[in-house]
Amino acid sequence: MTDDEFKILFPDPGQDIEFIEDAIDRDRVGECKLGAIMKNVWARRIKKTDVNGIHGTIFYELFWKKRYYPNKRDDDIER
């Protein structure tokens, strides 16, 4: 994911969690624009072992987990 794509999907400072349903919302990205972004992202797939860092997580169809991430930050979860 490019830096610009990342900023669109994770717009808030420190945000590293997003729920696809929230991103699809018309007030955010919208289905068409998100579809175009994700099409480009999937076309540039790389092996996890070749990634320099993973800076965000997108949850698909796991909207029920939103209660665990009220600030959409990975550190919301108590370890």
PDB file of N, CA and C in Angstrom:
ATOM      1  N   MET A   1       0.848  -1.167   0.000  1.00  0.00           N
ATOM      2  CA  MET A   1       0.000   0.000   0.000  1.00  0.00           C
ATOM      3  C   MET A   1       0.901   1.240   0.000  1.00  0.00           C
ATOM      4  N   THR A   2       0.580   2.153  -0.873  1.00  0.00           N
ATOM      5  CA  THR A   2       1.369   3.386  -0.912  1.00  0.00           C
ATOM      6  C   THR A   2       1.039   4.248   0.311  1.00  0.00           C
ATOM      7  N   ASP A   3       1.871   5.238   0.563  1.00  0.00           N
ATOM      8  CA  ASP A   3       1.611   6.158   1.678  1.00  0.00           C
ATOM      9  C   ASP A   3       0.275   6.881   1.492  1.00  0.00           C
ATOM     10  N   ASP A   4      -0.020   7.301   0.261  1.00  0.00           N
ATOM     11  CA  ASP A   4      -1.279   7.999  -0.002  1.00  0.00           C
ATOM     12  C   ASP A   4      -2.478   7.084   0.235  1.00  0.00           C
ATOM     13  N   GLU A   5      -2.385   5.830  -0.209  1.00  0.00           N
ATOM     14  CA  GLU A   5      -3.475   4.868   0.021  1.00  0.00           C
ATOM     15  C   GLU A   5      -3.657   4.620   1.516  1.00  0.00           C
ATOM     16  N   PHE A   6      -2.544   4.509   2.216  1.00  0.00           N
ATOM     17  CA  PHE A   6      -2.599   4.288   3.668  1.00  0.00           C
ATOM     18  C   PHE A   6      -3.315   5.450   4.362  1.00  0.00           C
ATOM     19  N   LYS A   7      -2.989   6.673   3.967  1.00  0.00           N
ATOM     20  CA  LYS A   7      -3.608   7.852   4.582  1.00  0.00           C
ATOM     21  C   LYS A   7      -5.110   7.911   4.334  1.00  0.00           C
ATOM     22  N   ILE A   8      -5.547   7.389   3.201  1.00  0.00           N
ATOM     23  CA  ILE A   8      -6.979   7.355   2.900  1.00  0.00           C
ATOM     24  C   ILE A   8      -7.677   6.324   3.782  1.00  0.00           C
ATOM     25  N   LEU A   9      -7.071   5.170   3.941  1.00  0.00           N
ATOM     26  CA  LEU A   9      -7.697   4.109   4.732  1.00  0.00           C
ATOM     27  C   LEU A   9      -7.527   4.299   6.230  1.00  0.00           C
ATOM     28  N   PHE A  10      -6.467   4.932   6.647  1.00  0.00           N
ATOM     29  CA  PHE A  10      -6.186   5.167   8.069  1.00  0.00           C
ATOM     30  C   PHE A  10      -5.969   6.670   8.263  1.00  0.00           C
ATOM     31  N   PRO A  11      -7.040   7.465   8.222  1.00  0.00           N
ATOM     32  CA  PRO A  11      -6.887   8.919   8.159  1.00  0.00           C
ATOM     33  C   PRO A  11      -6.500   9.621   9.461  1.00  0.00           C
ATOM     34  N   ASP A  12      -6.767   9.007  10.587  1.00  0.00           N
ATOM     35  CA  ASP A  12      -6.516   9.686  11.860  1.00  0.00           C
ATOM     36  C   ASP A  12      -5.091   9.451  12.358  1.00  0.00           C
ATOM     37  N   PRO A  13      -4.495  10.452  13.010  1.00  0.00           N
ATOM     38  CA  PRO A  13      -3.140  10.275  13.558  1.00  0.00           C
ATOM     39  C   PRO A  13      -3.091   9.087  14.517  1.00  0.00           C
ATOM     40  N   GLY A  14      -2.143   8.211  14.327  1.00  0.00           N
ATOM     41  CA  GLY A  14      -1.982   7.037  15.177  1.00  0.00           C
ATOM     42  C   GLY A  14      -2.910   5.884  14.863  1.00  0.00           C
ATOM     43  N   GLN A  15      -3.847   6.078  13.943  1.00  0.00           N
ATOM     44  CA  GLN A  15      -4.791   5.014  13.596  1.00  0.00           C
ATOM     45  C   GLN A  15      -4.073   3.896  12.857  1.00  0.00           C
ATOM     46  N   ASP A  16      -4.243   2.658  13.339  1.00  0.00           N
ATOM     47  CA  ASP A  16      -3.663   1.513  12.644  1.00  0.00           C
ATOM     48  C   ASP A  16      -4.665   0.361  12.526  1.00  0.00           C
ATOM     49  N   ILE A  17      -5.930   0.650  12.828  1.00  0.00           N
ATOM     50  CA  ILE A  17      -7.013  -0.318  12.677  1.00  0.00           C
ATOM     51  C   ILE A  17      -8.110   0.342  11.853  1.00  0.00           C
ATOM     52  N   GLU A  18      -8.679  -0.397  10.902  1.00  0.00           N
ATOM     53  CA  GLU A  18      -9.840   0.087  10.161  1.00  0.00           C
ATOM     54  C   GLU A  18     -10.761  -1.083   9.884  1.00  0.00           C
ATOM     55  N   PHE A  19     -12.040  -0.774   9.848  1.00  0.00           N
ATOM     56  CA  PHE A  19     -13.066  -1.761   9.518  1.00  0.00           C
ATOM     57  C   PHE A  19     -13.574  -1.419   8.132  1.00  0.00           C
ATOM     58  N   ILE A  20     -13.590  -2.397   7.257  1.00  0.00           N
ATOM     59  CA  ILE A  20     -13.923  -2.155   5.861  1.00  0.00           C
ATOM     60  C   ILE A  20     -15.283  -1.471   5.736  1.00  0.00           C
ATOM     61  N   GLU A  21     -16.223  -1.818   6.617  1.00  0.00           N
ATOM     62  CA  GLU A  21     -17.550  -1.193   6.570  1.00  0.00           C
ATOM     63  C   GLU A  21     -17.469   0.313   6.820  1.00  0.00           C
ATOM     64  N   ASP A  22     -16.561   0.728   7.697  1.00  0.00           N
ATOM     65  CA  ASP A  22     -16.387   2.155   7.957  1.00  0.00           C
ATOM     66  C   ASP A  22     -15.767   2.864   6.758  1.00  0.00           C
ATOM     67  N   ALA A  23     -14.806   2.240   6.135  1.00  0.00           N
ATOM     68  CA  ALA A  23     -14.151   2.849   4.973  1.00  0.00           C
ATOM     69  C   ALA A  23     -15.115   2.953   3.792  1.00  0.00           C
ATOM     70  N   ILE A  24     -15.998   1.972   3.635  1.00  0.00           N
ATOM     71  CA  ILE A  24     -16.962   1.978   2.529  1.00  0.00           C
ATOM     72  C   ILE A  24     -17.976   3.107   2.688  1.00  0.00           C
ATOM     73  N   ASP A  25     -18.239   3.513   3.909  1.00  0.00           N
ATOM     74  CA  ASP A  25     -19.215   4.569   4.172  1.00  0.00           C
ATOM     75  C   ASP A  25     -18.966   5.753   3.239  1.00  0.00           C
ATOM     76  N   ARG A  26     -20.045   6.284   2.669  1.00  0.00           N
ATOM     77  CA  ARG A  26     -19.925   7.395   1.713  1.00  0.00           C
ATOM     78  C   ARG A  26     -19.274   8.639   2.316  1.00  0.00           C
ATOM     79  N   ASP A  27     -19.432   8.808   3.603  1.00  0.00           N
ATOM     80  CA  ASP A  27     -18.813   9.967   4.249  1.00  0.00           C
ATOM     81  C   ASP A  27     -17.310   9.800   4.403  1.00  0.00           C
ATOM     82  N   ARG A  28     -16.816   8.600   4.161  1.00  0.00           N
ATOM     83  CA  ARG A  28     -15.375   8.333   4.260  1.00  0.00           C
ATOM     84  C   ARG A  28     -14.804   8.182   2.853  1.00  0.00           C
ATOM     85  N   VAL A  29     -14.659   6.975   2.399  1.00  0.00           N
ATOM     86  CA  VAL A  29     -14.010   6.717   1.116  1.00  0.00           C
ATOM     87  C   VAL A  29     -15.039   6.430   0.029  1.00  0.00           C
ATOM     88  N   GLY A  30     -16.033   5.633   0.353  1.00  0.00           N
ATOM     89  CA  GLY A  30     -17.030   5.232  -0.635  1.00  0.00           C
ATOM     90  C   GLY A  30     -16.622   3.942  -1.318  1.00  0.00           C
ATOM     91  N   GLU A  31     -17.620   3.212  -1.758  1.00  0.00           N
ATOM     92  CA  GLU A  31     -17.379   1.876  -2.325  1.00  0.00           C
ATOM     93  C   GLU A  31     -16.556   1.915  -3.611  1.00  0.00           C
ATOM     94  N   CYS A  32     -16.846   2.832  -4.508  1.00  0.00           N
ATOM     95  CA  CYS A  32     -16.120   2.886  -5.791  1.00  0.00           C
ATOM     96  C   CYS A  32     -14.642   3.233  -5.598  1.00  0.00           C
ATOM     97  N   LYS A  33     -14.390   4.288  -4.835  1.00  0.00           N
ATOM     98  CA  LYS A  33     -12.996   4.705  -4.610  1.00  0.00           C
ATOM     99  C   LYS A  33     -12.226   3.641  -3.833  1.00  0.00           C
ATOM    100  N   LEU A  34     -12.866   3.068  -2.806  1.00  0.00           N
ATOM    101  CA  LEU A  34     -12.207   2.017  -2.036  1.00  0.00           C
ATOM    102  C   LEU A  34     -11.918   0.803  -2.913  1.00  0.00           C
ATOM    103  N   GLY A  35     -12.871   0.457  -3.775  1.00  0.00           N
ATOM    104  CA  GLY A  35     -12.660  -0.665  -4.694  1.00  0.00           C
ATOM    105  C   GLY A  35     -11.460  -0.434  -5.599  1.00  0.00           C
ATOM    106  N   ALA A  36     -11.317   0.789  -6.103  1.00  0.00           N
ATOM    107  CA  ALA A  36     -10.179   1.120  -6.964  1.00  0.00           C
ATOM    108  C   ALA A  36      -8.861   1.038  -6.191  1.00  0.00           C
ATOM    109  N   ILE A  37      -8.872   1.544  -4.963  1.00  0.00           N
ATOM    110  CA  ILE A  37      -7.659   1.487  -4.132  1.00  0.00           C
ATOM    111  C   ILE A  37      -7.276   0.040  -3.868  1.00  0.00           C
ATOM    112  N   MET A  38      -8.247  -0.752  -3.433  1.00  0.00           N
ATOM    113  CA  MET A  38      -7.937  -2.140  -3.074  1.00  0.00           C
ATOM    114  C   MET A  38      -7.554  -2.972  -4.295  1.00  0.00           C
ATOM    115  N   LYS A  39      -8.108  -2.674  -5.451  1.00  0.00           N
ATOM    116  CA  LYS A  39      -7.704  -3.370  -6.680  1.00  0.00           C
ATOM    117  C   LYS A  39      -6.218  -3.145  -6.935  1.00  0.00           C
ATOM    118  N   ASN A  40      -5.771  -1.910  -6.759  1.00  0.00           N
ATOM    119  CA  ASN A  40      -4.347  -1.602  -6.932  1.00  0.00           C
ATOM    120  C   ASN A  40      -3.497  -2.277  -5.864  1.00  0.00           C
ATOM    121  N   VAL A  41      -3.983  -2.263  -4.638  1.00  0.00           N
ATOM    122  CA  VAL A  41      -3.235  -2.889  -3.541  1.00  0.00           C
ATOM    123  C   VAL A  41      -3.061  -4.378  -3.804  1.00  0.00           C
ATOM    124  N   TRP A  42      -4.143  -5.071  -4.152  1.00  0.00           N
ATOM    125  CA  TRP A  42      -4.071  -6.517  -4.396  1.00  0.00           C
ATOM    126  C   TRP A  42      -3.194  -6.843  -5.604  1.00  0.00           C
ATOM    127  N   ALA A  43      -3.100  -5.935  -6.564  1.00  0.00           N
ATOM    128  CA  ALA A  43      -2.248  -6.169  -7.738  1.00  0.00           C
ATOM    129  C   ALA A  43      -0.760  -6.098  -7.379  1.00  0.00           C
ATOM    130  N   ARG A  44      -0.445  -5.493  -6.240  1.00  0.00           N
ATOM    131  CA  ARG A  44       0.952  -5.357  -5.802  1.00  0.00           C
ATOM    132  C   ARG A  44       1.270  -6.278  -4.628  1.00  0.00           C
ATOM    133  N   ARG A  45       0.630  -7.403  -4.562  1.00  0.00           N
ATOM    134  CA  ARG A  45       0.832  -8.318  -3.431  1.00  0.00           C
ATOM    135  C   ARG A  45       2.301  -8.709  -3.298  1.00  0.00           C
ATOM    136  N   ILE A  46       2.733  -8.809  -2.052  1.00  0.00           N
ATOM    137  CA  ILE A  46       4.075  -9.302  -1.767  1.00  0.00           C
ATOM    138  C   ILE A  46       3.980 -10.300  -0.613  1.00  0.00           C
ATOM    139  N   LYS A  47       4.977 -11.140  -0.520  1.00  0.00           N
ATOM    140  CA  LYS A  47       4.994 -12.131   0.554  1.00  0.00           C
ATOM    141  C   LYS A  47       5.184 -11.428   1.894  1.00  0.00           C
ATOM    142  N   LYS A  48       4.516 -11.935   2.904  1.00  0.00           N
ATOM    143  CA  LYS A  48       4.614 -11.351   4.235  1.00  0.00           C
ATOM    144  C   LYS A  48       6.067 -11.309   4.718  1.00  0.00           C
ATOM    145  N   THR A  49       6.855 -12.309   4.364  1.00  0.00           N
ATOM    146  CA  THR A  49       8.255 -12.352   4.787  1.00  0.00           C
ATOM    147  C   THR A  49       9.093 -11.254   4.124  1.00  0.00           C
ATOM    148  N   ASP A  50       8.592 -10.686   3.027  1.00  0.00           N
ATOM    149  CA  ASP A  50       9.313  -9.627   2.325  1.00  0.00           C
ATOM    150  C   ASP A  50       8.882  -8.223   2.752  1.00  0.00           C
ATOM    151  N   VAL A  51       7.911  -8.130   3.652  1.00  0.00           N
ATOM    152  CA  VAL A  51       7.403  -6.838   4.102  1.00  0.00           C
ATOM    153  C   VAL A  51       8.367  -6.239   5.126  1.00  0.00           C
ATOM    154  N   ASN A  52       8.656  -4.953   4.982  1.00  0.00           N
ATOM    155  CA  ASN A  52       9.528  -4.270   5.937  1.00  0.00           C
ATOM    156  C   ASN A  52       8.798  -3.922   7.222  1.00  0.00           C
ATOM    157  N   GLY A  53       7.521  -3.742   7.164  1.00  0.00           N
ATOM    158  CA  GLY A  53       6.736  -3.417   8.344  1.00  0.00           C
ATOM    159  C   GLY A  53       5.258  -3.447   8.019  1.00  0.00           C
ATOM    160  N   ILE A  54       4.461  -3.854   8.969  1.00  0.00           N
ATOM    161  CA  ILE A  54       3.014  -3.817   8.802  1.00  0.00           C
ATOM    162  C   ILE A  54       2.509  -2.748   9.756  1.00  0.00           C
ATOM    163  N   HIS A  55       1.916  -1.714   9.193  1.00  0.00           N
ATOM    164  CA  HIS A  55       1.557  -0.542   9.980  1.00  0.00           C
ATOM    165  C   HIS A  55       0.064  -0.392  10.209  1.00  0.00           C
ATOM    166  N   GLY A  56      -0.735  -1.299   9.658  1.00  0.00           N
ATOM    167  CA  GLY A  56      -2.171  -1.195   9.847  1.00  0.00           C
ATOM    168  C   GLY A  56      -2.861  -2.519   9.575  1.00  0.00           C
ATOM    169  N   THR A  57      -4.066  -2.656  10.126  1.00  0.00           N
ATOM    170  CA  THR A  57      -4.874  -3.848   9.952  1.00  0.00           C
ATOM    171  C   THR A  57      -6.266  -3.421   9.500  1.00  0.00           C
ATOM    172  N   ILE A  58      -6.760  -4.066   8.444  1.00  0.00           N
ATOM    173  CA  ILE A  58      -8.118  -3.842   7.970  1.00  0.00           C
ATOM    174  C   ILE A  58      -8.924  -5.088   8.310  1.00  0.00           C
ATOM    175  N   PHE A  59      -9.996  -4.901   9.052  1.00  0.00           N
ATOM    176  CA  PHE A  59     -10.888  -6.013   9.384  1.00  0.00           C
ATOM    177  C   PHE A  59     -12.008  -6.079   8.353  1.00  0.00           C
ATOM    178  N   TYR A  60     -12.230  -7.274   7.805  1.00  0.00           N
ATOM    179  CA  TYR A  60     -13.306  -7.530   6.850  1.00  0.00           C
ATOM    180  C   TYR A  60     -14.375  -8.374   7.529  1.00  0.00           C
ATOM    181  N   GLU A  61     -15.606  -7.864   7.517  1.00  0.00           N
ATOM    182  CA  GLU A  61     -16.757  -8.586   8.051  1.00  0.00           C
ATOM    183  C   GLU A  61     -16.562  -9.009   9.510  1.00  0.00           C
ATOM    184  N   LEU A  62     -15.818  -8.228  10.258  1.00  0.00           N
ATOM    185  CA  LEU A  62     -15.606  -8.476  11.681  1.00  0.00           C
ATOM    186  C   LEU A  62     -15.997  -7.232  12.476  1.00  0.00           C
ATOM    187  N   PHE A  63     -17.093  -6.613  12.047  1.00  0.00           N
ATOM    188  CA  PHE A  63     -17.537  -5.369  12.648  1.00  0.00           C
ATOM    189  C   PHE A  63     -17.749  -5.499  14.158  1.00  0.00           C
ATOM    190  N   TRP A  64     -18.091  -6.688  14.630  1.00  0.00           N
ATOM    191  CA  TRP A  64     -18.319  -6.913  16.063  1.00  0.00           C
ATOM    192  C   TRP A  64     -17.065  -6.657  16.889  1.00  0.00           C
ATOM    193  N   LYS A  65     -15.888  -6.688  16.261  1.00  0.00           N
ATOM    194  CA  LYS A  65     -14.641  -6.426  16.989  1.00  0.00           C
ATOM    195  C   LYS A  65     -14.423  -4.936  17.258  1.00  0.00           C
ATOM    196  N   LYS A  66     -15.261  -4.113  16.664  1.00  0.00           N
ATOM    197  CA  LYS A  66     -15.085  -2.673  16.803  1.00  0.00           C
ATOM    198  C   LYS A  66     -15.113  -2.239  18.271  1.00  0.00           C
ATOM    199  N   ARG A  67     -15.850  -2.928  19.090  1.00  0.00           N
ATOM    200  CA  ARG A  67     -15.933  -2.558  20.513  1.00  0.00           C
ATOM    201  C   ARG A  67     -14.579  -2.692  21.216  1.00  0.00           C
ATOM    202  N   TYR A  68     -13.699  -3.514  20.659  1.00  0.00           N
ATOM    203  CA  TYR A  68     -12.367  -3.693  21.251  1.00  0.00           C
ATOM    204  C   TYR A  68     -11.382  -2.606  20.814  1.00  0.00           C
ATOM    205  N   TYR A  69     -11.745  -1.860  19.784  1.00  0.00           N
ATOM    206  CA  TYR A  69     -10.859  -0.838  19.226  1.00  0.00           C
ATOM    207  C   TYR A  69     -11.585   0.508  19.160  1.00  0.00           C
ATOM    208  N   PRO A  70     -11.948   1.094  20.291  1.00  0.00           N
ATOM    209  CA  PRO A  70     -12.723   2.343  20.270  1.00  0.00           C
ATOM    210  C   PRO A  70     -11.985   3.511  19.620  1.00  0.00           C
ATOM    211  N   ASN A  71     -10.677   3.486  19.639  1.00  0.00           N
ATOM    212  CA  ASN A  71      -9.875   4.560  19.034  1.00  0.00           C
ATOM    213  C   ASN A  71      -9.223   4.133  17.729  1.00  0.00           C
ATOM    214  N   LYS A  72      -9.575   2.924  17.270  1.00  0.00           N
ATOM    215  CA  LYS A  72      -9.015   2.352  16.047  1.00  0.00           C
ATOM    216  C   LYS A  72      -7.485   2.315  16.087  1.00  0.00           C
ATOM    217  N   ARG A  73      -6.996   1.898  17.258  1.00  0.00           N
ATOM    218  CA  ARG A  73      -5.555   1.735  17.447  1.00  0.00           C
ATOM    219  C   ARG A  73      -5.300   0.353  18.018  1.00  0.00           C
ATOM    220  N   ASP A  74      -4.270  -0.280  17.535  1.00  0.00           N
ATOM    221  CA  ASP A  74      -3.941  -1.630  17.996  1.00  0.00           C
ATOM    222  C   ASP A  74      -3.689  -1.666  19.496  1.00  0.00           C
ATOM    223  N   ASP A  75      -3.164  -0.593  20.048  1.00  0.00           N
ATOM    224  CA  ASP A  75      -2.870  -0.592  21.480  1.00  0.00           C
ATOM    225  C   ASP A  75      -4.125  -0.388  22.342  1.00  0.00           C
ATOM    226  N   ASP A  76      -5.317  -0.308  21.728  1.00  0.00           N
ATOM    227  CA  ASP A  76      -6.565  -0.290  22.493  1.00  0.00           C
ATOM    228  C   ASP A  76      -6.757  -1.619  23.226  1.00  0.00           C
ATOM    229  N   ILE A  77      -6.269  -2.695  22.636  1.00  0.00           N
ATOM    230  CA  ILE A  77      -6.406  -4.025  23.225  1.00  0.00           C
ATOM    231  C   ILE A  77      -5.416  -4.151  24.380  1.00  0.00           C
ATOM    232  N   GLU A  78      -5.899  -4.571  25.519  1.00  0.00           N
ATOM    233  CA  GLU A  78      -4.995  -4.806  26.640  1.00  0.00           C
ATOM    234  C   GLU A  78      -4.236  -6.090  26.378  1.00  0.00           C
ATOM    235  N   ARG A  79      -2.975  -6.047  26.589  1.00  0.00           N
ATOM    236  CA  ARG A  79      -2.138  -7.231  26.324  1.00  0.00           C
ATOM    237  C   ARG A  79      -1.869  -7.973  27.592  1.00  0.00           C
TER     238      ARG A  79
END
